[in-house]
């Protein structure tokens, strides 16, 4: 019973950490990365379509993205979608290739990105604490129903607390690493 609770807890925490990593990957660091364009949708024959499904996105160097559409007729639509995305990017069309220089982040923008990173870290911690609450409730119910003894329940609760504590530290580490990347000029 305790192993089942811990397995469920670890699964939930793993999903929360994966979600945190996905969110932090979207936070700009000032370096070119294909994920910068993940949220940009292009009107492709009336359907909003991700750029990654219409073109090859490359990173020739740390401050430049290239987008090579599979259909030359979509160059202008992709260019327009990137300009209107609100990402502050200024694509340059070069034949059937779109070059997107990634401007360096200002100090103020870096601080905003750090705040956003901390916010995502706090959200992950809240999710982990919710998983802890669920695990504790499951153990408490098992004690009430006589499925496990009080002593086993207390040992289980201690393991839950240790697991949660370790993962909260892991969240802090992940967030600190990302902050360091953002603040690096």
N, C-alpha and C. Protein backbone atom coordinates (compact mmCIF):
# COMPACT_ATOMS: atom_id res chain seq x y z
N UNK A 1 0.83 -1.20 0.00
CA UNK A 1 0.00 0.00 0.00
C UNK A 1 0.87 1.26 0.00
N UNK A 2 1.86 1.28 0.88
CA UNK A 2 2.74 2.46 0.97
C UNK A 2 3.52 2.62 -0.34
N UNK A 3 3.97 1.49 -0.90
CA UNK A 3 4.71 1.56 -2.16
C UNK A 3 3.83 2.12 -3.28
N UNK A 4 2.55 1.76 -3.28
CA UNK A 4 1.62 2.28 -4.29
C UNK A 4 1.46 3.79 -4.15
N UNK A 5 1.33 4.24 -2.91
CA UNK A 5 1.19 5.68 -2.66
C UNK A 5 2.44 6.42 -3.11
N UNK A 6 3.62 5.87 -2.77
CA UNK A 6 4.88 6.51 -3.17
C UNK A 6 5.05 6.50 -4.69
N UNK A 7 4.64 5.40 -5.33
CA UNK A 7 4.75 5.33 -6.79
C UNK A 7 3.86 6.39 -7.44
N UNK A 8 2.65 6.54 -6.92
CA UNK A 8 1.72 7.54 -7.45
C UNK A 8 2.26 8.95 -7.20
N UNK A 9 2.83 9.17 -6.02
CA UNK A 9 3.43 10.46 -5.68
C UNK A 9 4.57 10.79 -6.64
N UNK A 10 5.47 9.82 -6.83
CA UNK A 10 6.62 10.04 -7.72
C UNK A 10 6.17 10.31 -9.16
N UNK A 11 5.14 9.60 -9.60
CA UNK A 11 4.63 9.81 -10.95
C UNK A 11 4.08 11.24 -11.09
N UNK A 12 3.30 11.68 -10.11
CA UNK A 12 2.75 13.03 -10.15
C UNK A 12 3.84 14.09 -10.11
N UNK A 13 4.83 13.88 -9.26
CA UNK A 13 5.92 14.85 -9.15
C UNK A 13 6.73 14.88 -10.45
N UNK A 14 6.96 13.71 -11.04
CA UNK A 14 7.71 13.65 -12.30
C UNK A 14 6.98 14.47 -13.37
N UNK A 15 5.67 14.33 -13.43
CA UNK A 15 4.88 15.10 -14.41
C UNK A 15 4.99 16.60 -14.13
N UNK A 16 4.98 16.98 -12.86
CA UNK A 16 5.11 18.40 -12.51
C UNK A 16 6.48 18.94 -12.91
N UNK A 17 7.54 18.15 -12.69
CA UNK A 17 8.88 18.58 -13.07
C UNK A 17 9.02 18.67 -14.59
N UNK A 18 8.42 17.73 -15.31
CA UNK A 18 8.44 17.78 -16.77
C UNK A 18 7.74 19.05 -17.27
N UNK A 19 6.61 19.37 -16.66
CA UNK A 19 5.87 20.58 -17.03
C UNK A 19 6.72 21.82 -16.76
N UNK A 20 7.42 21.83 -15.62
CA UNK A 20 8.30 22.96 -15.29
C UNK A 20 9.39 23.11 -16.35
N UNK A 21 10.02 22.00 -16.71
CA UNK A 21 11.09 22.06 -17.71
C UNK A 21 10.56 22.57 -19.05
N UNK A 22 9.36 22.13 -19.44
CA UNK A 22 8.77 22.60 -20.69
C UNK A 22 8.51 24.11 -20.63
N UNK A 23 7.98 24.58 -19.51
CA UNK A 23 7.69 26.01 -19.37
C UNK A 23 8.99 26.83 -19.38
N UNK A 24 10.02 26.34 -18.70
CA UNK A 24 11.27 27.08 -18.65
C UNK A 24 11.97 27.08 -20.00
N UNK A 25 11.74 26.05 -20.80
CA UNK A 25 12.35 26.02 -22.14
C UNK A 25 11.78 27.12 -23.02
N UNK A 26 10.57 27.57 -22.71
CA UNK A 26 9.93 28.63 -23.50
C UNK A 26 10.43 30.02 -23.11
N UNK A 27 11.05 30.15 -21.95
CA UNK A 27 11.52 31.45 -21.48
C UNK A 27 12.80 31.80 -22.23
N UNK A 28 12.78 32.94 -22.90
CA UNK A 28 13.94 33.34 -23.70
C UNK A 28 15.15 33.64 -22.84
N UNK A 29 16.31 33.20 -23.32
CA UNK A 29 17.56 33.47 -22.61
C UNK A 29 18.44 34.43 -23.38
N UNK A 30 18.02 34.82 -24.58
CA UNK A 30 18.85 35.68 -25.41
C UNK A 30 19.61 34.87 -26.44
N UNK A 31 19.52 33.55 -26.37
CA UNK A 31 20.16 32.67 -27.34
C UNK A 31 19.09 32.12 -28.28
N UNK A 32 19.49 31.87 -29.51
CA UNK A 32 18.57 31.30 -30.49
C UNK A 32 18.26 29.85 -30.13
N UNK A 33 17.01 29.49 -30.20
CA UNK A 33 16.58 28.12 -29.95
C UNK A 33 15.27 27.91 -30.70
N UNK A 34 15.11 26.79 -31.40
CA UNK A 34 13.88 26.58 -32.18
C UNK A 34 12.59 26.69 -31.36
N UNK A 35 12.65 26.41 -30.08
CA UNK A 35 11.44 26.45 -29.25
C UNK A 35 10.88 27.88 -29.11
N UNK A 36 11.68 28.89 -29.45
CA UNK A 36 11.19 30.27 -29.41
C UNK A 36 9.95 30.41 -30.30
N UNK A 37 9.94 29.66 -31.40
CA UNK A 37 8.85 29.79 -32.37
C UNK A 37 7.71 28.80 -32.13
N UNK A 38 7.76 28.03 -31.06
CA UNK A 38 6.75 26.99 -30.81
C UNK A 38 5.33 27.53 -30.75
N UNK A 39 5.16 28.71 -30.18
CA UNK A 39 3.80 29.24 -30.01
C UNK A 39 3.29 30.01 -31.23
N UNK A 40 4.16 30.23 -32.21
CA UNK A 40 3.76 30.99 -33.40
C UNK A 40 2.94 30.08 -34.32
N UNK A 41 1.77 30.56 -34.70
CA UNK A 41 0.89 29.82 -35.60
C UNK A 41 0.76 30.59 -36.91
N UNK A 42 0.85 29.85 -38.02
CA UNK A 42 0.76 30.44 -39.35
C UNK A 42 -0.56 30.02 -39.97
N UNK A 43 -1.22 30.96 -40.63
CA UNK A 43 -2.47 30.64 -41.32
C UNK A 43 -2.12 29.85 -42.58
N UNK A 44 -2.31 28.54 -42.52
CA UNK A 44 -1.96 27.64 -43.61
C UNK A 44 -3.25 27.11 -44.23
N UNK A 45 -3.66 27.72 -45.31
CA UNK A 45 -4.92 27.38 -45.98
C UNK A 45 -6.09 27.40 -45.00
N UNK A 46 -6.13 28.45 -44.17
CA UNK A 46 -7.24 28.64 -43.24
C UNK A 46 -7.10 27.93 -41.91
N UNK A 47 -6.00 27.21 -41.70
CA UNK A 47 -5.80 26.47 -40.45
C UNK A 47 -4.57 27.02 -39.72
N UNK A 48 -4.70 27.41 -38.44
CA UNK A 48 -3.52 27.84 -37.68
C UNK A 48 -2.58 26.64 -37.48
N UNK A 49 -1.37 26.75 -38.00
CA UNK A 49 -0.43 25.63 -38.01
C UNK A 49 0.90 26.06 -37.39
N UNK A 50 1.51 25.22 -36.53
CA UNK A 50 2.83 25.54 -35.98
C UNK A 50 3.88 25.59 -37.10
N UNK A 51 4.84 26.47 -36.95
CA UNK A 51 5.90 26.60 -37.96
C UNK A 51 6.64 25.29 -38.14
N UNK A 52 6.84 24.54 -37.05
CA UNK A 52 7.59 23.29 -37.14
C UNK A 52 6.92 22.26 -38.05
N UNK A 53 5.63 22.44 -38.35
CA UNK A 53 4.93 21.52 -39.25
C UNK A 53 4.92 22.03 -40.69
N UNK A 54 5.56 23.18 -40.92
CA UNK A 54 5.55 23.77 -42.26
C UNK A 54 6.96 24.01 -42.80
N UNK A 55 7.96 23.93 -41.91
CA UNK A 55 9.29 24.35 -42.31
C UNK A 55 10.35 23.71 -41.41
N UNK A 56 11.59 23.76 -41.88
CA UNK A 56 12.72 23.36 -41.05
C UNK A 56 13.21 24.60 -40.32
N UNK A 57 13.36 24.49 -39.00
CA UNK A 57 13.87 25.60 -38.20
C UNK A 57 15.28 25.24 -37.78
N UNK A 58 16.25 26.10 -38.15
CA UNK A 58 17.64 25.82 -37.84
C UNK A 58 18.24 26.90 -36.96
N UNK A 59 19.38 26.56 -36.34
CA UNK A 59 20.10 27.50 -35.48
C UNK A 59 21.57 27.52 -35.93
N UNK A 60 21.89 28.35 -36.96
CA UNK A 60 23.27 28.37 -37.43
C UNK A 60 24.26 28.95 -36.41
N UNK A 61 23.81 29.88 -35.57
CA UNK A 61 24.66 30.36 -34.47
C UNK A 61 23.78 30.83 -33.32
N UNK A 62 24.40 31.27 -32.24
CA UNK A 62 23.67 31.57 -31.00
C UNK A 62 22.71 32.75 -31.10
N UNK A 63 22.86 33.57 -32.14
CA UNK A 63 21.99 34.74 -32.23
C UNK A 63 21.17 34.77 -33.53
N UNK A 64 20.99 33.60 -34.17
CA UNK A 64 20.26 33.57 -35.43
C UNK A 64 19.46 32.28 -35.58
N UNK A 65 18.21 32.44 -35.97
CA UNK A 65 17.36 31.30 -36.35
C UNK A 65 17.14 31.38 -37.85
N UNK A 66 17.03 30.23 -38.50
CA UNK A 66 16.64 30.21 -39.91
C UNK A 66 15.40 29.34 -40.05
N UNK A 67 14.51 29.78 -40.92
CA UNK A 67 13.29 29.02 -41.20
C UNK A 67 13.25 28.79 -42.70
N UNK A 68 13.23 27.52 -43.10
CA UNK A 68 13.16 27.18 -44.53
C UNK A 68 11.85 26.44 -44.77
N UNK A 69 10.84 27.17 -45.28
CA UNK A 69 9.53 26.55 -45.53
C UNK A 69 9.62 25.45 -46.59
N UNK A 70 8.79 24.42 -46.42
CA UNK A 70 8.75 23.33 -47.39
C UNK A 70 8.03 23.78 -48.66
N UNK A 71 7.13 24.74 -48.53
CA UNK A 71 6.45 25.31 -49.69
C UNK A 71 6.88 26.77 -49.80
N UNK A 72 7.48 27.11 -50.94
CA UNK A 72 7.96 28.48 -51.12
C UNK A 72 6.83 29.50 -51.01
N UNK A 73 5.62 29.08 -51.33
CA UNK A 73 4.48 30.00 -51.29
C UNK A 73 4.13 30.44 -49.87
N UNK A 74 4.68 29.77 -48.87
CA UNK A 74 4.35 30.08 -47.47
C UNK A 74 5.35 31.03 -46.80
N UNK A 75 6.38 31.45 -47.54
CA UNK A 75 7.41 32.33 -46.96
C UNK A 75 6.79 33.59 -46.38
N UNK A 76 5.94 34.27 -47.15
CA UNK A 76 5.35 35.53 -46.68
C UNK A 76 4.43 35.31 -45.49
N UNK A 77 3.66 34.22 -45.50
CA UNK A 77 2.74 33.93 -44.39
C UNK A 77 3.52 33.67 -43.10
N UNK A 78 4.63 32.94 -43.20
CA UNK A 78 5.45 32.66 -42.02
C UNK A 78 6.09 33.95 -41.51
N UNK A 79 6.62 34.76 -42.44
CA UNK A 79 7.22 36.04 -42.07
C UNK A 79 6.20 36.90 -41.32
N UNK A 80 4.99 36.99 -41.84
CA UNK A 80 3.93 37.79 -41.22
C UNK A 80 3.58 37.26 -39.83
N UNK A 81 3.46 35.94 -39.69
CA UNK A 81 3.10 35.34 -38.40
C UNK A 81 4.17 35.62 -37.35
N UNK A 82 5.44 35.56 -37.73
CA UNK A 82 6.53 35.82 -36.78
C UNK A 82 6.51 37.29 -36.36
N UNK A 83 6.31 38.19 -37.32
CA UNK A 83 6.26 39.63 -37.00
C UNK A 83 5.11 39.96 -36.05
N UNK A 84 3.97 39.29 -36.23
CA UNK A 84 2.77 39.59 -35.44
C UNK A 84 2.67 38.75 -34.17
N UNK A 85 3.69 37.96 -33.88
CA UNK A 85 3.62 37.03 -32.74
C UNK A 85 3.80 37.70 -31.38
N UNK A 86 4.32 38.92 -31.36
CA UNK A 86 4.56 39.60 -30.09
C UNK A 86 5.86 39.17 -29.43
N UNK A 87 6.70 38.46 -30.15
CA UNK A 87 7.98 38.01 -29.59
C UNK A 87 9.08 39.05 -29.74
N UNK A 88 8.80 40.12 -30.45
CA UNK A 88 9.81 41.16 -30.65
C UNK A 88 10.88 40.75 -31.64
N UNK A 89 10.54 39.88 -32.57
CA UNK A 89 11.50 39.40 -33.56
C UNK A 89 11.25 40.10 -34.89
N UNK A 90 12.33 40.30 -35.65
CA UNK A 90 12.23 41.00 -36.93
C UNK A 90 12.83 40.11 -38.02
N UNK A 91 12.01 39.21 -38.59
CA UNK A 91 12.54 38.29 -39.60
C UNK A 91 12.93 39.00 -40.90
N UNK A 92 13.92 38.44 -41.59
CA UNK A 92 14.37 38.99 -42.86
C UNK A 92 14.26 37.89 -43.91
N UNK A 93 13.49 38.16 -44.96
CA UNK A 93 13.28 37.17 -46.02
C UNK A 93 14.45 37.25 -46.99
N UNK A 94 15.03 36.09 -47.29
CA UNK A 94 16.15 35.99 -48.22
C UNK A 94 15.81 34.87 -49.21
N UNK A 95 15.04 35.21 -50.25
CA UNK A 95 14.60 34.19 -51.21
C UNK A 95 13.57 33.29 -50.55
N UNK A 96 13.90 32.00 -50.45
CA UNK A 96 12.97 31.06 -49.80
C UNK A 96 13.43 30.71 -48.38
N UNK A 97 14.32 31.53 -47.83
CA UNK A 97 14.83 31.33 -46.47
C UNK A 97 14.48 32.56 -45.63
N UNK A 98 14.08 32.33 -44.40
CA UNK A 98 13.78 33.44 -43.49
C UNK A 98 14.84 33.42 -42.39
N UNK A 99 15.55 34.53 -42.26
CA UNK A 99 16.56 34.66 -41.20
C UNK A 99 15.95 35.50 -40.07
N UNK A 100 16.13 35.02 -38.84
CA UNK A 100 15.56 35.73 -37.70
C UNK A 100 16.68 36.01 -36.70
N UNK A 101 17.24 37.24 -36.73
CA UNK A 101 18.25 37.57 -35.72
C UNK A 101 17.58 37.68 -34.34
N UNK A 102 18.20 37.10 -33.35
CA UNK A 102 17.68 37.14 -31.99
C UNK A 102 18.37 38.29 -31.26
N UNK A 103 17.62 39.35 -30.95
CA UNK A 103 18.26 40.49 -30.28
C UNK A 103 18.66 40.12 -28.86
N UNK A 104 19.78 40.68 -28.39
CA UNK A 104 20.16 40.40 -27.00
C UNK A 104 19.12 41.00 -26.05
N UNK A 105 18.91 40.35 -24.93
CA UNK A 105 17.93 40.84 -23.96
C UNK A 105 18.49 42.03 -23.20
N UNK A 106 17.65 43.02 -22.95
CA UNK A 106 18.06 44.15 -22.12
C UNK A 106 18.08 43.68 -20.66
N UNK A 107 18.72 44.45 -19.82
CA UNK A 107 18.78 44.11 -18.39
C UNK A 107 17.38 44.02 -17.80
N UNK A 108 16.53 44.98 -18.18
CA UNK A 108 15.16 44.99 -17.67
C UNK A 108 14.40 43.74 -18.12
N UNK A 109 14.58 43.37 -19.39
CA UNK A 109 13.89 42.18 -19.92
C UNK A 109 14.41 40.91 -19.24
N UNK A 110 15.72 40.88 -18.97
CA UNK A 110 16.29 39.72 -18.27
C UNK A 110 15.65 39.56 -16.89
N UNK A 111 15.47 40.69 -16.19
CA UNK A 111 14.85 40.63 -14.86
C UNK A 111 13.41 40.14 -14.95
N UNK A 112 12.70 40.56 -16.00
CA UNK A 112 11.33 40.07 -16.21
C UNK A 112 11.34 38.56 -16.43
N UNK A 113 12.31 38.09 -17.21
CA UNK A 113 12.41 36.65 -17.49
C UNK A 113 12.73 35.87 -16.21
N UNK A 114 13.58 36.46 -15.34
CA UNK A 114 13.90 35.80 -14.07
C UNK A 114 12.64 35.72 -13.20
N UNK A 115 11.85 36.80 -13.17
CA UNK A 115 10.59 36.77 -12.40
C UNK A 115 9.67 35.68 -12.92
N UNK A 116 9.57 35.58 -14.24
CA UNK A 116 8.73 34.56 -14.85
C UNK A 116 9.23 33.16 -14.50
N UNK A 117 10.54 33.00 -14.50
CA UNK A 117 11.15 31.71 -14.15
C UNK A 117 10.81 31.35 -12.71
N UNK A 118 10.93 32.33 -11.80
CA UNK A 118 10.59 32.07 -10.39
C UNK A 118 9.11 31.72 -10.24
N UNK A 119 8.26 32.39 -11.01
CA UNK A 119 6.83 32.11 -10.96
C UNK A 119 6.55 30.67 -11.37
N UNK A 120 7.19 30.23 -12.45
CA UNK A 120 7.02 28.84 -12.89
C UNK A 120 7.53 27.87 -11.82
N UNK A 121 8.63 28.23 -11.16
CA UNK A 121 9.16 27.39 -10.08
C UNK A 121 8.18 27.28 -8.93
N UNK A 122 7.56 28.40 -8.56
CA UNK A 122 6.57 28.38 -7.48
C UNK A 122 5.35 27.54 -7.85
N UNK A 123 4.93 27.65 -9.11
CA UNK A 123 3.79 26.84 -9.56
C UNK A 123 4.12 25.35 -9.47
N UNK A 124 5.36 24.99 -9.81
CA UNK A 124 5.77 23.58 -9.71
C UNK A 124 5.77 23.13 -8.26
N UNK A 125 6.24 24.00 -7.35
CA UNK A 125 6.24 23.64 -5.93
C UNK A 125 4.82 23.45 -5.41
N UNK A 126 3.91 24.31 -5.85
CA UNK A 126 2.50 24.18 -5.44
C UNK A 126 1.94 22.84 -5.92
N UNK A 127 2.26 22.48 -7.15
CA UNK A 127 1.79 21.20 -7.70
C UNK A 127 2.36 20.03 -6.90
N UNK A 128 3.64 20.12 -6.54
CA UNK A 128 4.27 19.06 -5.74
C UNK A 128 3.61 18.96 -4.37
N UNK A 129 3.32 20.10 -3.76
CA UNK A 129 2.65 20.08 -2.45
C UNK A 129 1.25 19.49 -2.55
N UNK A 130 0.59 19.72 -3.66
CA UNK A 130 -0.74 19.12 -3.87
C UNK A 130 -0.61 17.59 -3.96
N UNK A 131 0.43 17.13 -4.63
CA UNK A 131 0.67 15.68 -4.71
C UNK A 131 0.96 15.12 -3.31
N UNK A 132 1.70 15.91 -2.50
CA UNK A 132 1.97 15.47 -1.13
C UNK A 132 0.65 15.36 -0.36
N UNK A 133 -0.21 16.36 -0.48
CA UNK A 133 -1.49 16.33 0.23
C UNK A 133 -2.30 15.10 -0.17
N UNK A 134 -2.33 14.81 -1.47
CA UNK A 134 -3.07 13.64 -1.95
C UNK A 134 -2.50 12.35 -1.36
N UNK A 135 -1.16 12.24 -1.33
CA UNK A 135 -0.52 11.04 -0.79
C UNK A 135 -0.81 10.90 0.70
N UNK A 136 -0.74 12.01 1.42
CA UNK A 136 -1.02 11.98 2.86
C UNK A 136 -2.47 11.56 3.12
N UNK A 137 -3.39 12.07 2.31
CA UNK A 137 -4.80 11.69 2.45
C UNK A 137 -4.99 10.20 2.19
N UNK A 138 -4.29 9.68 1.18
CA UNK A 138 -4.41 8.25 0.88
C UNK A 138 -3.90 7.41 2.05
N UNK A 139 -2.77 7.83 2.64
CA UNK A 139 -2.23 7.10 3.79
C UNK A 139 -3.18 7.19 4.98
N UNK A 140 -3.73 8.37 5.22
CA UNK A 140 -4.65 8.55 6.34
C UNK A 140 -5.89 7.67 6.17
N UNK A 141 -6.41 7.61 4.95
CA UNK A 141 -7.57 6.76 4.67
C UNK A 141 -7.23 5.29 4.89
N UNK A 142 -6.02 4.88 4.49
CA UNK A 142 -5.61 3.49 4.67
C UNK A 142 -5.50 3.14 6.15
N UNK A 143 -5.04 4.10 6.96
CA UNK A 143 -4.95 3.86 8.41
C UNK A 143 -6.36 3.73 8.99
N UNK A 144 -7.26 4.63 8.60
CA UNK A 144 -8.64 4.59 9.10
C UNK A 144 -9.34 3.28 8.75
N UNK A 145 -9.10 2.80 7.54
CA UNK A 145 -9.77 1.59 7.08
C UNK A 145 -9.07 0.32 7.54
N UNK A 146 -7.96 0.47 8.25
CA UNK A 146 -7.26 -0.69 8.78
C UNK A 146 -6.41 -1.43 7.77
N UNK A 147 -6.15 -0.82 6.61
CA UNK A 147 -5.32 -1.47 5.59
C UNK A 147 -3.86 -1.50 6.01
N UNK A 148 -3.43 -0.47 6.75
CA UNK A 148 -2.06 -0.43 7.27
C UNK A 148 -2.11 0.01 8.73
N UNK A 149 -1.06 -0.33 9.46
CA UNK A 149 -1.01 0.03 10.88
C UNK A 149 -0.61 1.50 11.02
N UNK A 150 -0.81 2.04 12.24
CA UNK A 150 -0.41 3.43 12.53
C UNK A 150 1.08 3.63 12.26
N UNK A 151 1.90 2.66 12.74
CA UNK A 151 3.35 2.78 12.57
C UNK A 151 3.74 2.79 11.10
N UNK A 152 3.14 1.87 10.32
CA UNK A 152 3.44 1.85 8.89
C UNK A 152 2.98 3.15 8.23
N UNK A 153 1.84 3.65 8.66
CA UNK A 153 1.33 4.91 8.12
C UNK A 153 2.28 6.06 8.40
N UNK A 154 2.81 6.11 9.62
CA UNK A 154 3.76 7.17 9.98
C UNK A 154 5.05 7.05 9.18
N UNK A 155 5.53 5.80 9.00
CA UNK A 155 6.73 5.60 8.18
C UNK A 155 6.47 6.05 6.74
N UNK A 156 5.29 5.73 6.24
CA UNK A 156 4.91 6.15 4.89
C UNK A 156 4.87 7.66 4.77
N UNK A 157 4.30 8.32 5.78
CA UNK A 157 4.22 9.79 5.76
C UNK A 157 5.62 10.40 5.77
N UNK A 158 6.52 9.78 6.54
CA UNK A 158 7.90 10.28 6.60
C UNK A 158 8.56 10.15 5.22
N UNK A 159 8.33 9.01 4.55
CA UNK A 159 8.90 8.82 3.21
C UNK A 159 8.32 9.84 2.22
N UNK A 160 7.03 10.11 2.35
CA UNK A 160 6.39 11.11 1.48
C UNK A 160 7.05 12.47 1.69
N UNK A 161 7.23 12.86 2.96
CA UNK A 161 7.86 14.16 3.26
C UNK A 161 9.28 14.23 2.70
N UNK A 162 10.05 13.14 2.84
CA UNK A 162 11.42 13.12 2.32
C UNK A 162 11.42 13.27 0.80
N UNK A 163 10.53 12.54 0.15
CA UNK A 163 10.44 12.60 -1.31
C UNK A 163 10.09 14.01 -1.77
N UNK A 164 9.10 14.60 -1.12
CA UNK A 164 8.67 15.95 -1.50
C UNK A 164 9.79 16.95 -1.26
N UNK A 165 10.46 16.84 -0.13
CA UNK A 165 11.55 17.75 0.20
C UNK A 165 12.66 17.67 -0.85
N UNK A 166 13.03 16.44 -1.25
CA UNK A 166 14.07 16.27 -2.27
C UNK A 166 13.66 16.92 -3.59
N UNK A 167 12.40 16.75 -3.96
CA UNK A 167 11.96 17.28 -5.25
C UNK A 167 11.79 18.80 -5.22
N UNK A 168 11.43 19.36 -4.08
CA UNK A 168 11.36 20.82 -3.97
C UNK A 168 12.76 21.40 -4.14
N UNK A 169 13.77 20.73 -3.55
CA UNK A 169 15.16 21.18 -3.74
C UNK A 169 15.55 21.08 -5.21
N UNK A 170 15.08 20.03 -5.88
CA UNK A 170 15.37 19.87 -7.30
C UNK A 170 14.76 21.01 -8.11
N UNK A 171 13.55 21.42 -7.76
CA UNK A 171 12.91 22.56 -8.44
C UNK A 171 13.76 23.81 -8.24
N UNK A 172 14.21 24.04 -7.00
CA UNK A 172 15.06 25.21 -6.73
C UNK A 172 16.32 25.19 -7.58
N UNK A 173 16.92 24.01 -7.73
CA UNK A 173 18.14 23.87 -8.53
C UNK A 173 17.86 24.17 -10.00
N UNK A 174 16.78 23.61 -10.53
CA UNK A 174 16.42 23.83 -11.94
C UNK A 174 16.18 25.32 -12.19
N UNK A 175 15.44 25.97 -11.29
CA UNK A 175 15.13 27.40 -11.45
C UNK A 175 16.42 28.23 -11.35
N UNK A 176 17.29 27.90 -10.41
CA UNK A 176 18.54 28.66 -10.25
C UNK A 176 19.42 28.53 -11.50
N UNK A 177 19.48 27.33 -12.08
CA UNK A 177 20.27 27.15 -13.30
C UNK A 177 19.72 27.99 -14.44
N UNK A 178 18.40 28.00 -14.56
CA UNK A 178 17.77 28.77 -15.64
C UNK A 178 17.98 30.27 -15.43
N UNK A 179 17.89 30.72 -14.18
CA UNK A 179 18.14 32.14 -13.88
C UNK A 179 19.56 32.52 -14.27
N UNK A 180 20.51 31.64 -13.97
CA UNK A 180 21.91 31.92 -14.31
C UNK A 180 22.07 32.03 -15.83
N UNK A 181 21.38 31.16 -16.58
CA UNK A 181 21.45 31.23 -18.05
C UNK A 181 20.86 32.55 -18.55
N UNK A 182 19.77 32.97 -17.95
CA UNK A 182 19.11 34.21 -18.39
C UNK A 182 19.98 35.42 -18.10
N UNK A 183 20.58 35.46 -16.93
CA UNK A 183 21.36 36.64 -16.52
C UNK A 183 22.74 36.68 -17.16
N UNK A 184 23.17 35.57 -17.76
CA UNK A 184 24.47 35.53 -18.42
C UNK A 184 24.42 36.38 -19.68
N UNK A 185 25.35 37.32 -19.79
CA UNK A 185 25.36 38.22 -20.94
C UNK A 185 26.31 37.71 -21.99
